[in-house]
Amino acid sequence: MPKFEKHIFVCGNQRPEGHPRGCCDPAGRAELQKLFKVKLAERGLKGKVRANQSGCLDQCEHGPNVVIYPEAVWYGRVSMQDVEEIVDSHIVGGKPVERLLIPDSCLNAPSCEHRLPKK
């Protein structure tokens, strides 16, 4: 089998309700990841693009989070309604969905405007 052209990692981290950092998959049902797989298959991309459930991507304040490699494009606040647009625009068309991008200044930064101050 040839290498995947792209990998989509969908955060499936769970935290207790009310946790200050939030939670990407509170119900633990991997619904976003499953929908990515469906949309990829509908477009004939099974075996070319892989959608994986991941553990915590450590961008909790922006969740639910998705990162696409090899480009290392990070998306935040991804909803079920956004999946088709990400697949069509980014995966098929090569154009990231600007409105969902997590700013580079927030990635792995000790603070950003979305992160609550530590108590």
N, C-alpha and C. Protein backbone atom coordinates (compact mmCIF):
# COMPACT_ATOMS: atom_id res chain seq x y z
N MET A 1 0.85 -1.19 0.00
CA MET A 1 0.00 0.00 0.00
C MET A 1 0.89 1.25 0.00
N PRO A 2 0.60 2.23 -0.87
CA PRO A 2 1.39 3.46 -0.88
C PRO A 2 1.15 4.30 0.37
N LYS A 3 2.06 5.22 0.61
CA LYS A 3 1.93 6.13 1.75
C LYS A 3 0.68 7.00 1.59
N PHE A 4 0.13 7.41 2.73
CA PHE A 4 -0.98 8.36 2.69
C PHE A 4 -0.46 9.72 2.24
N GLU A 5 -1.25 10.42 1.45
CA GLU A 5 -0.88 11.76 1.01
C GLU A 5 -1.05 12.78 2.14
N LYS A 6 -2.05 12.54 2.96
CA LYS A 6 -2.35 13.44 4.08
C LYS A 6 -2.85 12.62 5.25
N HIS A 7 -2.62 13.16 6.44
CA HIS A 7 -3.18 12.61 7.66
C HIS A 7 -3.99 13.71 8.34
N ILE A 8 -5.19 13.37 8.74
CA ILE A 8 -6.05 14.27 9.49
C ILE A 8 -6.14 13.70 10.91
N PHE A 9 -5.69 14.48 11.88
CA PHE A 9 -5.77 14.06 13.27
C PHE A 9 -6.88 14.87 13.95
N VAL A 10 -7.83 14.16 14.53
CA VAL A 10 -8.98 14.76 15.18
C VAL A 10 -8.86 14.49 16.67
N CYS A 11 -8.79 15.55 17.46
CA CYS A 11 -8.64 15.38 18.90
C CYS A 11 -9.86 14.68 19.49
N GLY A 12 -9.59 13.65 20.27
CA GLY A 12 -10.65 12.91 20.94
C GLY A 12 -10.52 12.97 22.45
N ASN A 13 -9.80 13.98 22.94
CA ASN A 13 -9.56 14.08 24.37
C ASN A 13 -10.86 14.35 25.13
N GLN A 14 -10.94 13.74 26.29
CA GLN A 14 -12.10 13.94 27.17
C GLN A 14 -11.61 14.45 28.52
N ARG A 15 -12.36 15.40 29.07
CA ARG A 15 -12.11 15.94 30.40
C ARG A 15 -13.45 16.02 31.12
N PRO A 16 -13.38 16.12 32.44
CA PRO A 16 -14.64 16.27 33.18
C PRO A 16 -15.39 17.54 32.78
N GLU A 17 -16.69 17.48 32.85
CA GLU A 17 -17.52 18.64 32.54
C GLU A 17 -17.09 19.82 33.40
N GLY A 18 -17.01 20.99 32.76
CA GLY A 18 -16.64 22.21 33.48
C GLY A 18 -15.15 22.44 33.62
N HIS A 19 -14.33 21.56 33.06
CA HIS A 19 -12.88 21.75 33.14
C HIS A 19 -12.52 23.09 32.49
N PRO A 20 -11.62 23.87 33.11
CA PRO A 20 -11.32 25.21 32.58
C PRO A 20 -10.69 25.22 31.19
N ARG A 21 -10.05 24.14 30.77
CA ARG A 21 -9.43 24.13 29.44
C ARG A 21 -10.38 23.62 28.36
N GLY A 22 -11.52 23.11 28.75
CA GLY A 22 -12.47 22.59 27.77
C GLY A 22 -12.16 21.16 27.40
N CYS A 23 -12.89 20.66 26.42
CA CYS A 23 -12.79 19.26 26.03
C CYS A 23 -13.23 19.14 24.57
N CYS A 24 -12.43 18.43 23.78
CA CYS A 24 -12.73 18.31 22.34
C CYS A 24 -13.81 17.29 22.01
N ASP A 25 -13.95 16.26 22.83
CA ASP A 25 -14.93 15.20 22.54
C ASP A 25 -15.62 14.75 23.82
N PRO A 26 -16.45 15.63 24.39
CA PRO A 26 -17.04 15.33 25.71
C PRO A 26 -17.83 14.03 25.76
N ALA A 27 -18.48 13.65 24.68
CA ALA A 27 -19.29 12.42 24.67
C ALA A 27 -18.44 11.18 24.37
N GLY A 28 -17.22 11.38 23.88
CA GLY A 28 -16.34 10.26 23.57
C GLY A 28 -16.84 9.39 22.42
N ARG A 29 -17.55 9.99 21.48
CA ARG A 29 -18.11 9.21 20.37
C ARG A 29 -17.33 9.34 19.06
N ALA A 30 -16.29 10.16 19.03
CA ALA A 30 -15.46 10.34 17.83
C ALA A 30 -16.29 10.70 16.60
N GLU A 31 -17.33 11.49 16.78
CA GLU A 31 -18.22 11.82 15.67
C GLU A 31 -17.53 12.61 14.56
N LEU A 32 -16.66 13.57 14.92
CA LEU A 32 -15.95 14.33 13.89
C LEU A 32 -15.07 13.42 13.05
N GLN A 33 -14.30 12.58 13.70
CA GLN A 33 -13.41 11.67 12.99
C GLN A 33 -14.19 10.74 12.07
N LYS A 34 -15.28 10.21 12.56
CA LYS A 34 -16.11 9.31 11.75
C LYS A 34 -16.68 10.03 10.53
N LEU A 35 -17.09 11.28 10.71
CA LEU A 35 -17.63 12.04 9.58
C LEU A 35 -16.53 12.35 8.56
N PHE A 36 -15.33 12.67 9.02
CA PHE A 36 -14.22 12.86 8.09
C PHE A 36 -14.03 11.60 7.25
N LYS A 37 -14.06 10.44 7.87
CA LYS A 37 -13.87 9.18 7.14
C LYS A 37 -14.96 9.00 6.08
N VAL A 38 -16.20 9.30 6.43
CA VAL A 38 -17.31 9.19 5.48
C VAL A 38 -17.10 10.12 4.29
N LYS A 39 -16.78 11.38 4.58
CA LYS A 39 -16.63 12.37 3.50
C LYS A 39 -15.43 12.05 2.61
N LEU A 40 -14.35 11.54 3.19
CA LEU A 40 -13.19 11.14 2.40
C LEU A 40 -13.56 9.97 1.48
N ALA A 41 -14.27 8.99 2.01
CA ALA A 41 -14.68 7.83 1.22
C ALA A 41 -15.61 8.26 0.08
N GLU A 42 -16.53 9.19 0.35
CA GLU A 42 -17.45 9.68 -0.69
C GLU A 42 -16.70 10.32 -1.85
N ARG A 43 -15.53 10.85 -1.57
CA ARG A 43 -14.75 11.52 -2.61
C ARG A 43 -13.65 10.62 -3.19
N GLY A 44 -13.71 9.34 -2.85
CA GLY A 44 -12.75 8.39 -3.40
C GLY A 44 -11.35 8.53 -2.84
N LEU A 45 -11.23 9.06 -1.63
CA LEU A 45 -9.91 9.33 -1.04
C LEU A 45 -9.49 8.29 -0.01
N LYS A 46 -10.29 7.26 0.19
CA LYS A 46 -9.91 6.20 1.11
C LYS A 46 -8.61 5.57 0.61
N GLY A 47 -7.64 5.43 1.51
CA GLY A 47 -6.33 4.91 1.14
C GLY A 47 -5.35 5.98 0.72
N LYS A 48 -5.85 7.19 0.44
CA LYS A 48 -4.99 8.31 0.08
C LYS A 48 -4.86 9.30 1.23
N VAL A 49 -5.98 9.48 1.95
CA VAL A 49 -6.02 10.40 3.09
C VAL A 49 -6.57 9.64 4.27
N ARG A 50 -5.92 9.76 5.40
CA ARG A 50 -6.33 9.02 6.61
C ARG A 50 -6.83 9.98 7.67
N ALA A 51 -7.98 9.70 8.25
CA ALA A 51 -8.52 10.48 9.37
C ALA A 51 -8.39 9.64 10.63
N ASN A 52 -7.54 10.08 11.53
CA ASN A 52 -7.27 9.37 12.77
C ASN A 52 -7.81 10.12 13.97
N GLN A 53 -8.30 9.38 14.93
CA GLN A 53 -8.63 9.94 16.23
C GLN A 53 -7.32 10.09 16.98
N SER A 54 -7.10 11.21 17.63
CA SER A 54 -5.86 11.41 18.38
C SER A 54 -6.18 11.65 19.85
N GLY A 55 -5.14 11.61 20.63
CA GLY A 55 -5.24 12.05 22.01
C GLY A 55 -5.18 13.57 22.01
N CYS A 56 -4.93 14.12 23.18
CA CYS A 56 -4.91 15.57 23.33
C CYS A 56 -3.87 16.21 22.43
N LEU A 57 -4.27 17.24 21.71
CA LEU A 57 -3.37 18.00 20.85
C LEU A 57 -2.87 19.26 21.57
N ASP A 58 -3.27 19.44 22.81
CA ASP A 58 -2.83 20.53 23.69
C ASP A 58 -3.18 21.92 23.17
N GLN A 59 -4.27 22.01 22.48
CA GLN A 59 -4.80 23.31 22.04
C GLN A 59 -6.25 23.42 22.51
N CYS A 60 -6.48 22.98 23.73
CA CYS A 60 -7.83 22.75 24.27
C CYS A 60 -8.75 23.97 24.17
N GLU A 61 -8.20 25.14 24.37
CA GLU A 61 -9.02 26.36 24.34
C GLU A 61 -9.62 26.63 22.97
N HIS A 62 -9.10 25.98 21.97
CA HIS A 62 -9.56 26.18 20.60
C HIS A 62 -10.44 25.03 20.10
N GLY A 63 -10.73 24.09 20.97
CA GLY A 63 -11.36 22.84 20.56
C GLY A 63 -12.80 22.95 20.14
N PRO A 64 -13.25 21.93 19.45
CA PRO A 64 -12.57 20.74 18.96
C PRO A 64 -11.52 21.08 17.91
N ASN A 65 -10.38 20.38 18.01
CA ASN A 65 -9.22 20.65 17.17
C ASN A 65 -8.99 19.55 16.14
N VAL A 66 -8.46 19.99 15.00
CA VAL A 66 -8.07 19.10 13.92
C VAL A 66 -6.75 19.63 13.37
N VAL A 67 -5.80 18.74 13.10
CA VAL A 67 -4.55 19.15 12.44
C VAL A 67 -4.33 18.25 11.24
N ILE A 68 -3.90 18.85 10.14
CA ILE A 68 -3.71 18.12 8.90
C ILE A 68 -2.23 18.19 8.52
N TYR A 69 -1.67 16.99 8.32
CA TYR A 69 -0.28 16.86 7.89
C TYR A 69 -0.24 16.25 6.50
N PRO A 70 0.76 16.59 5.68
CA PRO A 70 2.05 17.12 6.07
C PRO A 70 2.13 18.63 6.19
N GLU A 71 1.06 19.36 5.90
CA GLU A 71 1.13 20.82 5.92
C GLU A 71 1.19 21.42 7.32
N ALA A 72 0.80 20.65 8.35
CA ALA A 72 0.71 21.15 9.73
C ALA A 72 -0.24 22.33 9.82
N VAL A 73 -1.43 22.16 9.24
CA VAL A 73 -2.48 23.17 9.30
C VAL A 73 -3.38 22.81 10.48
N TRP A 74 -3.53 23.75 11.41
CA TRP A 74 -4.30 23.54 12.63
C TRP A 74 -5.64 24.26 12.53
N TYR A 75 -6.70 23.52 12.82
CA TYR A 75 -8.05 24.07 12.84
C TYR A 75 -8.62 24.00 14.25
N GLY A 76 -9.38 25.03 14.60
CA GLY A 76 -10.03 25.07 15.91
C GLY A 76 -11.52 25.31 15.79
N ARG A 77 -12.21 24.92 16.85
CA ARG A 77 -13.66 25.06 16.93
C ARG A 77 -14.36 24.41 15.73
N VAL A 78 -13.86 23.24 15.37
CA VAL A 78 -14.41 22.51 14.22
C VAL A 78 -15.71 21.83 14.64
N SER A 79 -16.74 22.03 13.83
CA SER A 79 -18.04 21.41 14.08
C SER A 79 -18.33 20.39 12.98
N MET A 80 -19.36 19.62 13.18
CA MET A 80 -19.78 18.65 12.18
C MET A 80 -20.08 19.36 10.85
N GLN A 81 -20.61 20.57 10.92
CA GLN A 81 -20.96 21.32 9.72
C GLN A 81 -19.72 21.79 8.95
N ASP A 82 -18.55 21.81 9.59
CA ASP A 82 -17.31 22.27 8.95
C ASP A 82 -16.57 21.17 8.20
N VAL A 83 -16.87 19.92 8.48
CA VAL A 83 -16.09 18.80 7.95
C VAL A 83 -16.10 18.78 6.42
N GLU A 84 -17.25 18.90 5.81
CA GLU A 84 -17.34 18.86 4.35
C GLU A 84 -16.54 20.00 3.72
N GLU A 85 -16.62 21.18 4.32
CA GLU A 85 -15.86 22.33 3.79
C GLU A 85 -14.35 22.09 3.90
N ILE A 86 -13.89 21.51 5.01
CA ILE A 86 -12.47 21.21 5.15
C ILE A 86 -12.03 20.19 4.11
N VAL A 87 -12.82 19.15 3.92
CA VAL A 87 -12.48 18.13 2.94
C VAL A 87 -12.45 18.73 1.54
N ASP A 88 -13.50 19.46 1.17
CA ASP A 88 -13.57 20.00 -0.19
C ASP A 88 -12.53 21.09 -0.44
N SER A 89 -12.41 22.05 0.47
CA SER A 89 -11.51 23.17 0.26
C SER A 89 -10.05 22.78 0.47
N HIS A 90 -9.75 22.15 1.59
CA HIS A 90 -8.35 21.86 1.93
C HIS A 90 -7.84 20.56 1.32
N ILE A 91 -8.53 19.48 1.60
CA ILE A 91 -8.04 18.17 1.17
C ILE A 91 -8.12 18.03 -0.35
N VAL A 92 -9.25 18.36 -0.94
CA VAL A 92 -9.42 18.23 -2.39
C VAL A 92 -8.83 19.44 -3.12
N GLY A 93 -9.15 20.65 -2.64
CA GLY A 93 -8.76 21.86 -3.35
C GLY A 93 -7.42 22.47 -2.98
N GLY A 94 -6.82 22.01 -1.87
CA GLY A 94 -5.52 22.53 -1.47
C GLY A 94 -5.55 23.90 -0.82
N LYS A 95 -6.75 24.40 -0.47
CA LYS A 95 -6.88 25.72 0.13
C LYS A 95 -7.44 25.59 1.55
N PRO A 96 -6.61 25.87 2.58
CA PRO A 96 -7.11 25.79 3.95
C PRO A 96 -8.33 26.70 4.18
N VAL A 97 -9.15 26.31 5.12
CA VAL A 97 -10.35 27.07 5.49
C VAL A 97 -9.92 28.13 6.50
N GLU A 98 -9.72 29.35 6.01
CA GLU A 98 -9.15 30.44 6.80
C GLU A 98 -9.91 30.71 8.11
N ARG A 99 -11.23 30.69 8.06
CA ARG A 99 -12.02 31.07 9.23
C ARG A 99 -11.85 30.10 10.41
N LEU A 100 -11.32 28.91 10.15
CA LEU A 100 -11.16 27.91 11.21
C LEU A 100 -9.71 27.76 11.68
N LEU A 101 -8.78 28.47 11.06
CA LEU A 101 -7.37 28.31 11.41
C LEU A 101 -7.08 28.81 12.82
N ILE A 102 -6.27 28.04 13.54
CA ILE A 102 -5.75 28.51 14.83
C ILE A 102 -4.54 29.36 14.50
N PRO A 103 -4.49 30.60 14.99
CA PRO A 103 -3.34 31.47 14.67
C PRO A 103 -2.03 30.85 15.14
N ASP A 104 -0.99 30.99 14.32
CA ASP A 104 0.33 30.48 14.69
C ASP A 104 0.78 31.02 16.04
N SER A 105 0.38 32.24 16.35
CA SER A 105 0.79 32.85 17.63
C SER A 105 0.20 32.13 18.84
N CYS A 106 -0.80 31.30 18.62
CA CYS A 106 -1.44 30.56 19.72
C CYS A 106 -0.89 29.14 19.86
N LEU A 107 -0.31 28.61 18.80
CA LEU A 107 0.13 27.21 18.83
C LEU A 107 1.35 27.04 19.73
N ASN A 108 1.21 26.15 20.71
CA ASN A 108 2.28 25.83 21.64
C ASN A 108 2.88 27.07 22.31
N ALA A 109 2.08 28.10 22.46
CA ALA A 109 2.52 29.33 23.11
C ALA A 109 2.16 29.27 24.60
N PRO A 110 2.98 29.88 25.44
CA PRO A 110 2.66 29.87 26.87
C PRO A 110 1.35 30.60 27.18
N SER A 111 0.97 31.52 26.28
CA SER A 111 -0.31 32.19 26.46
C SER A 111 -0.79 32.69 25.10
N CYS A 112 -2.09 32.83 25.00
CA CYS A 112 -2.71 33.46 23.84
C CYS A 112 -4.04 34.03 24.31
N GLU A 113 -4.66 34.80 23.46
CA GLU A 113 -5.90 35.47 23.88
C GLU A 113 -7.03 34.50 24.18
N HIS A 114 -6.89 33.23 23.80
CA HIS A 114 -7.95 32.23 24.03
C HIS A 114 -7.74 31.44 25.31
N ARG A 115 -6.54 31.47 25.85
CA ARG A 115 -6.20 30.65 27.00
C ARG A 115 -6.54 31.39 28.28
N LEU A 116 -7.24 30.71 29.16
CA LEU A 116 -7.58 31.30 30.46
C LEU A 116 -6.32 31.35 31.32
N PRO A 117 -6.17 32.42 32.12
CA PRO A 117 -5.00 32.50 33.00
C PRO A 117 -5.03 31.36 34.02
N LYS A 118 -3.84 30.85 34.37
CA LYS A 118 -3.76 29.79 35.39
C LYS A 118 -4.09 30.37 36.75
N LYS A 119 -4.81 29.58 37.53
CA LYS A 119 -5.21 30.03 38.87
C LYS A 119 -4.16 29.64 39.88
